[in-house]
Structures are given as structure tokens and as C-alpha cells.
Amino acid sequence: QNFSPEWTVVNAPGFMANPEEDGTR
């Protein structure tokens, strides 16, 4: 009821990064 999150995990397995644009490997 009074929960206040300090950290957030955002987990999207179906999202594919574009390495050239996004800076990933």
C-alpha cells in the first residue's frame, strides 16, 4: 500500500536494438 520503488527493471525480450543507432554491440 505504501510501496515506493527505488529501482526499476524494464524487461522487453521482444525489442531488438539497432547497434549502429543505439550504441549496443
mmCIF file of all heavy atoms, coordinates in Angstrom:
data_MODEL
# 
_entry.id   MODEL 
# 
loop_
_atom_site.group_PDB 
_atom_site.id 
_atom_site.type_symbol 
_atom_site.label_atom_id 
_atom_site.label_alt_id 
_atom_site.label_comp_id 
_atom_site.label_asym_id 
_atom_site.label_entity_id 
_atom_site.label_seq_id 
_atom_site.pdbx_PDB_ins_code 
_atom_site.Cartn_x 
_atom_site.Cartn_y 
_atom_site.Cartn_z 
_atom_site.occupancy 
_atom_site.B_iso_or_equiv 
_atom_site.pdbx_formal_charge 
_atom_site.auth_seq_id 
_atom_site.auth_comp_id 
_atom_site.auth_asym_id 
_atom_site.auth_atom_id 
_atom_site.pdbx_PDB_model_num 
ATOM 1   N N   . GLN A 1 1  ? 0.821  -1.219  0.000   1.00 0.00 ? 1  GLN A N   1 
ATOM 2   C CA  . GLN A 1 1  ? 0.000  0.000   0.000   1.00 0.00 ? 1  GLN A CA  1 
ATOM 3   C C   . GLN A 1 1  ? 0.856  1.269   0.000   1.00 0.00 ? 1  GLN A C   1 
ATOM 4   O O   . GLN A 1 1  ? 0.502  2.261   -0.614  1.00 0.00 ? 1  GLN A O   1 
ATOM 5   C CB  . GLN A 1 1  ? -0.974 -0.013  1.189   1.00 0.00 ? 1  GLN A CB  1 
ATOM 6   C CG  . GLN A 1 1  ? -2.050 -1.085  1.078   1.00 0.00 ? 1  GLN A CG  1 
ATOM 7   C CD  . GLN A 1 1  ? -2.719 -1.135  -0.299  1.00 0.00 ? 1  GLN A CD  1 
ATOM 8   O OE1 . GLN A 1 1  ? -3.236 -0.127  -0.788  1.00 0.00 ? 1  GLN A OE1 1 
ATOM 9   N NE2 . GLN A 1 1  ? -2.706 -2.302  -0.930  1.00 0.00 ? 1  GLN A NE2 1 
ATOM 10  N N   . ASN A 1 2  ? 1.982  1.219   0.695   1.00 0.00 ? 2  ASN A N   1 
ATOM 11  C CA  . ASN A 1 2  ? 2.870  2.399   0.742   1.00 0.00 ? 2  ASN A CA  1 
ATOM 12  C C   . ASN A 1 2  ? 4.188  2.127   0.025   1.00 0.00 ? 2  ASN A C   1 
ATOM 13  O O   . ASN A 1 2  ? 5.197  2.742   0.324   1.00 0.00 ? 2  ASN A O   1 
ATOM 14  C CB  . ASN A 1 2  ? 3.143  2.788   2.202   1.00 0.00 ? 2  ASN A CB  1 
ATOM 15  C CG  . ASN A 1 2  ? 1.866  3.153   2.920   1.00 0.00 ? 2  ASN A CG  1 
ATOM 16  O OD1 . ASN A 1 2  ? 1.099  3.966   2.428   1.00 0.00 ? 2  ASN A OD1 1 
ATOM 17  N ND2 . ASN A 1 2  ? 1.622  2.525   4.068   1.00 0.00 ? 2  ASN A ND2 1 
ATOM 18  N N   . PHE A 1 3  ? 4.153  1.204   -0.927  1.00 0.00 ? 3  PHE A N   1 
ATOM 19  C CA  . PHE A 1 3  ? 5.387  0.773   -1.595  1.00 0.00 ? 3  PHE A CA  1 
ATOM 20  C C   . PHE A 1 3  ? 5.910  1.865   -2.524  1.00 0.00 ? 3  PHE A C   1 
ATOM 21  O O   . PHE A 1 3  ? 5.184  2.399   -3.358  1.00 0.00 ? 3  PHE A O   1 
ATOM 22  C CB  . PHE A 1 3  ? 5.105  -0.497  -2.402  1.00 0.00 ? 3  PHE A CB  1 
ATOM 23  C CG  . PHE A 1 3  ? 6.341  -1.150  -2.955  1.00 0.00 ? 3  PHE A CG  1 
ATOM 24  C CD1 . PHE A 1 3  ? 7.017  -2.126  -2.236  1.00 0.00 ? 3  PHE A CD1 1 
ATOM 25  C CD2 . PHE A 1 3  ? 6.839  -0.802  -4.206  1.00 0.00 ? 3  PHE A CD2 1 
ATOM 26  C CE1 . PHE A 1 3  ? 8.158  -2.743  -2.747  1.00 0.00 ? 3  PHE A CE1 1 
ATOM 27  C CE2 . PHE A 1 3  ? 7.969  -1.404  -4.723  1.00 0.00 ? 3  PHE A CE2 1 
ATOM 28  C CZ  . PHE A 1 3  ? 8.631  -2.388  -3.991  1.00 0.00 ? 3  PHE A CZ  1 
ATOM 29  N N   . SER A 1 4  ? 7.186  2.194   -2.336  1.00 0.00 ? 4  SER A N   1 
ATOM 30  C CA  . SER A 1 4  ? 7.811  3.195   -3.209  1.00 0.00 ? 4  SER A CA  1 
ATOM 31  C C   . SER A 1 4  ? 9.051  2.565   -3.844  1.00 0.00 ? 4  SER A C   1 
ATOM 32  O O   . SER A 1 4  ? 10.035 2.306   -3.160  1.00 0.00 ? 4  SER A O   1 
ATOM 33  C CB  . SER A 1 4  ? 8.203  4.417   -2.369  1.00 0.00 ? 4  SER A CB  1 
ATOM 34  O OG  . SER A 1 4  ? 8.918  5.326   -3.159  1.00 0.00 ? 4  SER A OG  1 
ATOM 35  N N   . PRO A 1 5  ? 8.996  2.263   -5.159  1.00 0.00 ? 5  PRO A N   1 
ATOM 36  C CA  . PRO A 1 5  ? 10.137 1.578   -5.776  1.00 0.00 ? 5  PRO A CA  1 
ATOM 37  C C   . PRO A 1 5  ? 11.361 2.476   -5.877  1.00 0.00 ? 5  PRO A C   1 
ATOM 38  O O   . PRO A 1 5  ? 11.255 3.654   -6.231  1.00 0.00 ? 5  PRO A O   1 
ATOM 39  C CB  . PRO A 1 5  ? 9.627  1.198   -7.169  1.00 0.00 ? 5  PRO A CB  1 
ATOM 40  C CG  . PRO A 1 5  ? 8.405  1.998   -7.408  1.00 0.00 ? 5  PRO A CG  1 
ATOM 41  C CD  . PRO A 1 5  ? 7.889  2.460   -6.089  1.00 0.00 ? 5  PRO A CD  1 
ATOM 42  N N   . GLU A 1 6  ? 12.522 1.922   -5.537  1.00 0.00 ? 6  GLU A N   1 
ATOM 43  C CA  . GLU A 1 6  ? 13.778 2.672   -5.670  1.00 0.00 ? 6  GLU A CA  1 
ATOM 44  C C   . GLU A 1 6  ? 14.449 2.363   -7.010  1.00 0.00 ? 6  GLU A C   1 
ATOM 45  O O   . GLU A 1 6  ? 14.945 3.249   -7.683  1.00 0.00 ? 6  GLU A O   1 
ATOM 46  C CB  . GLU A 1 6  ? 14.726 2.314   -4.508  1.00 0.00 ? 6  GLU A CB  1 
ATOM 47  C CG  . GLU A 1 6  ? 15.959 3.201   -4.495  1.00 0.00 ? 6  GLU A CG  1 
ATOM 48  C CD  . GLU A 1 6  ? 16.866 2.952   -3.299  1.00 0.00 ? 6  GLU A CD  1 
ATOM 49  O OE1 . GLU A 1 6  ? 16.431 2.303   -2.329  1.00 0.00 ? 6  GLU A OE1 1 
ATOM 50  O OE2 . GLU A 1 6  ? 18.019 3.404   -3.356  1.00 0.00 ? 6  GLU A OE2 1 
ATOM 51  N N   . TRP A 1 7  ? 14.445 1.094   -7.384  1.00 0.00 ? 7  TRP A N   1 
ATOM 52  C CA  . TRP A 1 7  ? 14.995 0.680   -8.681  1.00 0.00 ? 7  TRP A CA  1 
ATOM 53  C C   . TRP A 1 7  ? 13.876 0.140   -9.565  1.00 0.00 ? 7  TRP A C   1 
ATOM 54  O O   . TRP A 1 7  ? 12.875 -0.370  -9.066  1.00 0.00 ? 7  TRP A O   1 
ATOM 55  C CB  . TRP A 1 7  ? 16.067 -0.400  -8.488  1.00 0.00 ? 7  TRP A CB  1 
ATOM 56  C CG  . TRP A 1 7  ? 17.444 0.201   -8.341  1.00 0.00 ? 7  TRP A CG  1 
ATOM 57  C CD1 . TRP A 1 7  ? 17.923 0.858   -7.246  1.00 0.00 ? 7  TRP A CD1 1 
ATOM 58  C CD2 . TRP A 1 7  ? 18.484 0.222   -9.322  1.00 0.00 ? 7  TRP A CD2 1 
ATOM 59  N NE1 . TRP A 1 7  ? 19.208 1.288   -7.479  1.00 0.00 ? 7  TRP A NE1 1 
ATOM 60  C CE2 . TRP A 1 7  ? 19.581 0.908   -8.750  1.00 0.00 ? 7  TRP A CE2 1 
ATOM 61  C CE3 . TRP A 1 7  ? 18.604 -0.265  -10.616 1.00 0.00 ? 7  TRP A CE3 1 
ATOM 62  C CZ2 . TRP A 1 7  ? 20.785 1.114   -9.441  1.00 0.00 ? 7  TRP A CZ2 1 
ATOM 63  C CZ3 . TRP A 1 7  ? 19.803 -0.070  -11.307 1.00 0.00 ? 7  TRP A CZ3 1 
ATOM 64  C CH2 . TRP A 1 7  ? 20.882 0.620   -10.729 1.00 0.00 ? 7  TRP A CH2 1 
ATOM 65  N N   . THR A 1 8  ? 14.081 0.265   -10.869 1.00 0.00 ? 8  THR A N   1 
ATOM 66  C CA  . THR A 1 8  ? 13.124 -0.252  -11.845 1.00 0.00 ? 8  THR A CA  1 
ATOM 67  C C   . THR A 1 8  ? 13.847 -1.169  -12.824 1.00 0.00 ? 8  THR A C   1 
ATOM 68  O O   . THR A 1 8  ? 14.920 -0.824  -13.321 1.00 0.00 ? 8  THR A O   1 
ATOM 69  C CB  . THR A 1 8  ? 12.464 0.907   -12.635 1.00 0.00 ? 8  THR A CB  1 
ATOM 70  O OG1 . THR A 1 8  ? 11.941 1.855   -11.706 1.00 0.00 ? 8  THR A OG1 1 
ATOM 71  C CG2 . THR A 1 8  ? 11.348 0.403   -13.530 1.00 0.00 ? 8  THR A CG2 1 
ATOM 72  N N   . VAL A 1 9  ? 13.256 -2.334  -13.076 1.00 0.00 ? 9  VAL A N   1 
ATOM 73  C CA  . VAL A 1 9  ? 13.749 -3.232  -14.129 1.00 0.00 ? 9  VAL A CA  1 
ATOM 74  C C   . VAL A 1 9  ? 12.750 -3.164  -15.269 1.00 0.00 ? 9  VAL A C   1 
ATOM 75  O O   . VAL A 1 9  ? 11.565 -3.442  -15.083 1.00 0.00 ? 9  VAL A O   1 
ATOM 76  C CB  . VAL A 1 9  ? 13.863 -4.696  -13.633 1.00 0.00 ? 9  VAL A CB  1 
ATOM 77  C CG1 . VAL A 1 9  ? 14.332 -5.607  -14.767 1.00 0.00 ? 9  VAL A CG1 1 
ATOM 78  C CG2 . VAL A 1 9  ? 14.794 -4.798  -12.434 1.00 0.00 ? 9  VAL A CG2 1 
ATOM 79  N N   . VAL A 1 10 ? 13.207 -2.751  -16.445 1.00 0.00 ? 10 VAL A N   1 
ATOM 80  C CA  . VAL A 1 10 ? 12.361 -2.725  -17.640 1.00 0.00 ? 10 VAL A CA  1 
ATOM 81  C C   . VAL A 1 10 ? 12.872 -3.834  -18.558 1.00 0.00 ? 10 VAL A C   1 
ATOM 82  O O   . VAL A 1 10 ? 14.017 -3.799  -19.006 1.00 0.00 ? 10 VAL A O   1 
ATOM 83  C CB  . VAL A 1 10 ? 12.399 -1.354  -18.353 1.00 0.00 ? 10 VAL A CB  1 
ATOM 84  C CG1 . VAL A 1 10 ? 11.530 -1.363  -19.599 1.00 0.00 ? 10 VAL A CG1 1 
ATOM 85  C CG2 . VAL A 1 10 ? 11.949 -0.245  -17.399 1.00 0.00 ? 10 VAL A CG2 1 
ATOM 86  N N   . ASN A 1 11 ? 12.012 -4.821  -18.800 1.00 0.00 ? 11 ASN A N   1 
ATOM 87  C CA  . ASN A 1 11 ? 12.434 -6.061  -19.455 1.00 0.00 ? 11 ASN A CA  1 
ATOM 88  C C   . ASN A 1 11 ? 11.558 -6.318  -20.690 1.00 0.00 ? 11 ASN A C   1 
ATOM 89  O O   . ASN A 1 11 ? 10.381 -6.640  -20.564 1.00 0.00 ? 11 ASN A O   1 
ATOM 90  C CB  . ASN A 1 11 ? 12.318 -7.201  -18.423 1.00 0.00 ? 11 ASN A CB  1 
ATOM 91  C CG  . ASN A 1 11 ? 12.497 -8.579  -19.023 1.00 0.00 ? 11 ASN A CG  1 
ATOM 92  O OD1 . ASN A 1 11 ? 11.618 -9.423  -18.868 1.00 0.00 ? 11 ASN A OD1 1 
ATOM 93  N ND2 . ASN A 1 11 ? 13.598 -8.825  -19.681 1.00 0.00 ? 11 ASN A ND2 1 
ATOM 94  N N   . ALA A 1 12 ? 12.170 -6.144  -21.884 1.00 0.00 ? 12 ALA A N   1 
ATOM 95  C CA  . ALA A 1 12 ? 11.431 -6.282  -23.152 1.00 0.00 ? 12 ALA A CA  1 
ATOM 96  C C   . ALA A 1 12 ? 12.176 -7.242  -24.083 1.00 0.00 ? 12 ALA A C   1 
ATOM 97  O O   . ALA A 1 12 ? 12.917 -6.808  -24.973 1.00 0.00 ? 12 ALA A O   1 
ATOM 98  C CB  . ALA A 1 12 ? 11.262 -4.913  -23.802 1.00 0.00 ? 12 ALA A CB  1 
ATOM 99  N N   . PRO A 1 13 ? 11.994 -8.553  -23.886 1.00 0.00 ? 13 PRO A N   1 
ATOM 100 C CA  . PRO A 1 13 ? 12.722 -9.523  -24.718 1.00 0.00 ? 13 PRO A CA  1 
ATOM 101 C C   . PRO A 1 13 ? 12.436 -9.399  -26.211 1.00 0.00 ? 13 PRO A C   1 
ATOM 102 O O   . PRO A 1 13 ? 13.297 -9.719  -27.045 1.00 0.00 ? 13 PRO A O   1 
ATOM 103 C CB  . PRO A 1 13 ? 12.233 -10.881 -24.190 1.00 0.00 ? 13 PRO A CB  1 
ATOM 104 C CG  . PRO A 1 13 ? 11.746 -10.619 -22.810 1.00 0.00 ? 13 PRO A CG  1 
ATOM 105 C CD  . PRO A 1 13 ? 11.182 -9.233  -22.846 1.00 0.00 ? 13 PRO A CD  1 
ATOM 106 N N   . GLY A 1 14 ? 11.243 -8.913  -26.563 1.00 0.00 ? 14 GLY A N   1 
ATOM 107 C CA  . GLY A 1 14 ? 10.874 -8.819  -27.982 1.00 0.00 ? 14 GLY A CA  1 
ATOM 108 C C   . GLY A 1 14 ? 11.422 -7.586  -28.682 1.00 0.00 ? 14 GLY A C   1 
ATOM 109 O O   . GLY A 1 14 ? 11.322 -7.459  -29.911 1.00 0.00 ? 14 GLY A O   1 
ATOM 110 N N   . PHE A 1 15 ? 12.020 -6.657  -27.925 1.00 0.00 ? 15 PHE A N   1 
ATOM 111 C CA  . PHE A 1 15 ? 12.575 -5.438  -28.529 1.00 0.00 ? 15 PHE A CA  1 
ATOM 112 C C   . PHE A 1 15 ? 13.994 -5.710  -29.017 1.00 0.00 ? 15 PHE A C   1 
ATOM 113 O O   . PHE A 1 15 ? 14.841 -6.171  -28.250 1.00 0.00 ? 15 PHE A O   1 
ATOM 114 C CB  . PHE A 1 15 ? 12.590 -4.291  -27.510 1.00 0.00 ? 15 PHE A CB  1 
ATOM 115 C CG  . PHE A 1 15 ? 13.268 -3.049  -28.034 1.00 0.00 ? 15 PHE A CG  1 
ATOM 116 C CD1 . PHE A 1 15 ? 12.541 -2.085  -28.724 1.00 0.00 ? 15 PHE A CD1 1 
ATOM 117 C CD2 . PHE A 1 15 ? 14.641 -2.866  -27.875 1.00 0.00 ? 15 PHE A CD2 1 
ATOM 118 C CE1 . PHE A 1 15 ? 13.173 -0.948  -29.219 1.00 0.00 ? 15 PHE A CE1 1 
ATOM 119 C CE2 . PHE A 1 15 ? 15.273 -1.733  -28.377 1.00 0.00 ? 15 PHE A CE2 1 
ATOM 120 C CZ  . PHE A 1 15 ? 14.540 -0.774  -29.049 1.00 0.00 ? 15 PHE A CZ  1 
ATOM 121 N N   . MET A 1 16 ? 14.267 -5.414  -30.271 1.00 0.00 ? 16 MET A N   1 
ATOM 122 C CA  . MET A 1 16 ? 15.616 -5.623  -30.821 1.00 0.00 ? 16 MET A CA  1 
ATOM 123 C C   . MET A 1 16 ? 16.288 -4.269  -31.059 1.00 0.00 ? 16 MET A C   1 
ATOM 124 O O   . MET A 1 16 ? 15.749 -3.414  -31.764 1.00 0.00 ? 16 MET A O   1 
ATOM 125 C CB  . MET A 1 16 ? 15.538 -6.385  -32.150 1.00 0.00 ? 16 MET A CB  1 
ATOM 126 C CG  . MET A 1 16 ? 14.825 -7.719  -32.056 1.00 0.00 ? 16 MET A CG  1 
ATOM 127 S SD  . MET A 1 16 ? 15.715 -8.927  -31.051 1.00 0.00 ? 16 MET A SD  1 
ATOM 128 C CE  . MET A 1 16 ? 14.376 -10.034 -30.566 1.00 0.00 ? 16 MET A CE  1 
ATOM 129 N N   . ALA A 1 17 ? 17.472 -4.101  -30.483 1.00 0.00 ? 17 ALA A N   1 
ATOM 130 C CA  . ALA A 1 17 ? 18.211 -2.850  -30.676 1.00 0.00 ? 17 ALA A CA  1 
ATOM 131 C C   . ALA A 1 17 ? 18.841 -2.823  -32.068 1.00 0.00 ? 17 ALA A C   1 
ATOM 132 O O   . ALA A 1 17 ? 19.080 -3.856  -32.684 1.00 0.00 ? 17 ALA A O   1 
ATOM 133 C CB  . ALA A 1 17 ? 19.293 -2.719  -29.615 1.00 0.00 ? 17 ALA A CB  1 
ATOM 134 N N   . ASN A 1 18 ? 19.116 -1.603  -32.514 1.00 0.00 ? 18 ASN A N   1 
ATOM 135 C CA  . ASN A 1 18 ? 19.862 -1.402  -33.758 1.00 0.00 ? 18 ASN A CA  1 
ATOM 136 C C   . ASN A 1 18 ? 21.263 -0.919  -33.354 1.00 0.00 ? 18 ASN A C   1 
ATOM 137 O O   . ASN A 1 18 ? 21.420 0.232   -32.941 1.00 0.00 ? 18 ASN A O   1 
ATOM 138 C CB  . ASN A 1 18 ? 19.139 -0.349  -34.610 1.00 0.00 ? 18 ASN A CB  1 
ATOM 139 C CG  . ASN A 1 18 ? 19.910 0.017   -35.866 1.00 0.00 ? 18 ASN A CG  1 
ATOM 140 O OD1 . ASN A 1 18 ? 21.091 -0.318  -36.006 1.00 0.00 ? 18 ASN A OD1 1 
ATOM 141 N ND2 . ASN A 1 18 ? 19.248 0.693   -36.779 1.00 0.00 ? 18 ASN A ND2 1 
ATOM 142 N N   . PRO A 1 19 ? 22.296 -1.786  -33.427 1.00 0.00 ? 19 PRO A N   1 
ATOM 143 C CA  . PRO A 1 19 ? 23.610 -1.432  -32.869 1.00 0.00 ? 19 PRO A CA  1 
ATOM 144 C C   . PRO A 1 19 ? 24.181 -0.117  -33.404 1.00 0.00 ? 19 PRO A C   1 
ATOM 145 O O   . PRO A 1 19 ? 24.730 0.677   -32.639 1.00 0.00 ? 19 PRO A O   1 
ATOM 146 C CB  . PRO A 1 19 ? 24.497 -2.625  -33.266 1.00 0.00 ? 19 PRO A CB  1 
ATOM 147 C CG  . PRO A 1 19 ? 23.551 -3.754  -33.475 1.00 0.00 ? 19 PRO A CG  1 
ATOM 148 C CD  . PRO A 1 19 ? 22.277 -3.149  -33.971 1.00 0.00 ? 19 PRO A CD  1 
ATOM 149 N N   . GLU A 1 20 ? 24.038 0.132   -34.716 1.00 0.00 ? 20 GLU A N   1 
ATOM 150 C CA  . GLU A 1 20 ? 24.616 1.365   -35.289 1.00 0.00 ? 20 GLU A CA  1 
ATOM 151 C C   . GLU A 1 20 ? 23.988 2.606   -34.657 1.00 0.00 ? 20 GLU A C   1 
ATOM 152 O O   . GLU A 1 20 ? 24.658 3.587   -34.366 1.00 0.00 ? 20 GLU A O   1 
ATOM 153 C CB  . GLU A 1 20 ? 24.395 1.418   -36.813 1.00 0.00 ? 20 GLU A CB  1 
ATOM 154 C CG  . GLU A 1 20 ? 25.242 0.443   -37.616 1.00 0.00 ? 20 GLU A CG  1 
ATOM 155 C CD  . GLU A 1 20 ? 24.710 -0.978  -37.566 1.00 0.00 ? 20 GLU A CD  1 
ATOM 156 O OE1 . GLU A 1 20 ? 23.476 -1.153  -37.524 1.00 0.00 ? 20 GLU A OE1 1 
ATOM 157 O OE2 . GLU A 1 20 ? 25.540 -1.918  -37.531 1.00 0.00 ? 20 GLU A OE2 1 
ATOM 158 N N   . GLU A 1 21 ? 22.707 2.518   -34.411 1.00 0.00 ? 21 GLU A N   1 
ATOM 159 C CA  . GLU A 1 21 ? 21.967 3.681   -33.897 1.00 0.00 ? 21 GLU A CA  1 
ATOM 160 C C   . GLU A 1 21 ? 21.994 3.752   -32.367 1.00 0.00 ? 21 GLU A C   1 
ATOM 161 O O   . GLU A 1 21 ? 22.078 4.828   -31.776 1.00 0.00 ? 21 GLU A O   1 
ATOM 162 C CB  . GLU A 1 21 ? 20.514 3.539   -34.375 1.00 0.00 ? 21 GLU A CB  1 
ATOM 163 C CG  . GLU A 1 21 ? 19.739 4.819   -34.424 1.00 0.00 ? 21 GLU A CG  1 
ATOM 164 C CD  . GLU A 1 21 ? 18.346 4.566   -35.006 1.00 0.00 ? 21 GLU A CD  1 
ATOM 165 O OE1 . GLU A 1 21 ? 18.227 4.422   -36.238 1.00 0.00 ? 21 GLU A OE1 1 
ATOM 166 O OE2 . GLU A 1 21 ? 17.391 4.494   -34.201 1.00 0.00 ? 21 GLU A OE2 1 
ATOM 167 N N   . ASP A 1 22 ? 21.928 2.575   -31.717 1.00 0.00 ? 22 ASP A N   1 
ATOM 168 C CA  . ASP A 1 22 ? 21.689 2.541   -30.271 1.00 0.00 ? 22 ASP A CA  1 
ATOM 169 C C   . ASP A 1 22 ? 22.944 2.404   -29.416 1.00 0.00 ? 22 ASP A C   1 
ATOM 170 O O   . ASP A 1 22 ? 22.876 2.517   -28.188 1.00 0.00 ? 22 ASP A O   1 
ATOM 171 C CB  . ASP A 1 22 ? 20.721 1.395   -29.936 1.00 0.00 ? 22 ASP A CB  1 
ATOM 172 C CG  . ASP A 1 22 ? 19.359 1.587   -30.611 1.00 0.00 ? 22 ASP A CG  1 
ATOM 173 O OD1 . ASP A 1 22 ? 18.941 2.749   -30.735 1.00 0.00 ? 22 ASP A OD1 1 
ATOM 174 O OD2 . ASP A 1 22 ? 18.742 0.579   -30.998 1.00 0.00 ? 22 ASP A OD2 1 
ATOM 175 N N   . GLY A 1 23 ? 24.079 2.113   -30.043 1.00 0.00 ? 23 GLY A N   1 
ATOM 176 C CA  . GLY A 1 23 ? 25.326 2.029   -29.267 1.00 0.00 ? 23 GLY A CA  1 
ATOM 177 C C   . GLY A 1 23 ? 25.553 0.691   -28.598 1.00 0.00 ? 23 GLY A C   1 
ATOM 178 O O   . GLY A 1 23 ? 26.468 0.540   -27.783 1.00 0.00 ? 23 GLY A O   1 
ATOM 179 N N   . THR A 1 24 ? 24.719 -0.295  -28.932 1.00 0.00 ? 24 THR A N   1 
ATOM 180 C CA  . THR A 1 24 ? 24.909 -1.642  -28.386 1.00 0.00 ? 24 THR A CA  1 
ATOM 181 C C   . THR A 1 24 ? 25.864 -2.418  -29.287 1.00 0.00 ? 24 THR A C   1 
ATOM 182 O O   . THR A 1 24 ? 26.256 -1.949  -30.356 1.00 0.00 ? 24 THR A O   1 
ATOM 183 C CB  . THR A 1 24 ? 23.558 -2.383  -28.310 1.00 0.00 ? 24 THR A CB  1 
ATOM 184 O OG1 . THR A 1 24 ? 22.979 -2.397  -29.621 1.00 0.00 ? 24 THR A OG1 1 
ATOM 185 C CG2 . THR A 1 24 ? 22.601 -1.699  -27.354 1.00 0.00 ? 24 THR A CG2 1 
ATOM 186 N N   . ARG A 1 25 ? 26.233 -3.634  -28.867 1.00 0.00 ? 25 ARG A N   1 
ATOM 187 C CA  . ARG A 1 25 ? 27.110 -4.477  -29.696 1.00 0.00 ? 25 ARG A CA  1 
ATOM 188 C C   . ARG A 1 25 ? 26.288 -5.229  -30.734 1.00 0.00 ? 25 ARG A C   1 
ATOM 189 O O   . ARG A 1 25 ? 26.702 -5.418  -31.865 1.00 0.00 ? 25 ARG A O   1 
ATOM 190 C CB  . ARG A 1 25 ? 27.863 -5.467  -28.797 1.00 0.00 ? 25 ARG A CB  1 
ATOM 191 C CG  . ARG A 1 25 ? 28.896 -6.323  -29.520 1.00 0.00 ? 25 ARG A CG  1 
ATOM 192 C CD  . ARG A 1 25 ? 29.546 -7.300  -28.557 1.00 0.00 ? 25 ARG A CD  1 
ATOM 193 N NE  . ARG A 1 25 ? 28.649 -8.385  -28.186 1.00 0.00 ? 25 ARG A NE  1 
ATOM 194 C CZ  . ARG A 1 25 ? 28.673 -9.606  -28.718 1.00 0.00 ? 25 ARG A CZ  1 
ATOM 195 N NH1 . ARG A 1 25 ? 29.540 -9.895  -29.666 1.00 0.00 ? 25 ARG A NH1 1 
ATOM 196 N NH2 . ARG A 1 25 ? 27.814 -10.529 -28.318 1.00 0.00 ? 25 ARG A NH2 1 
# 
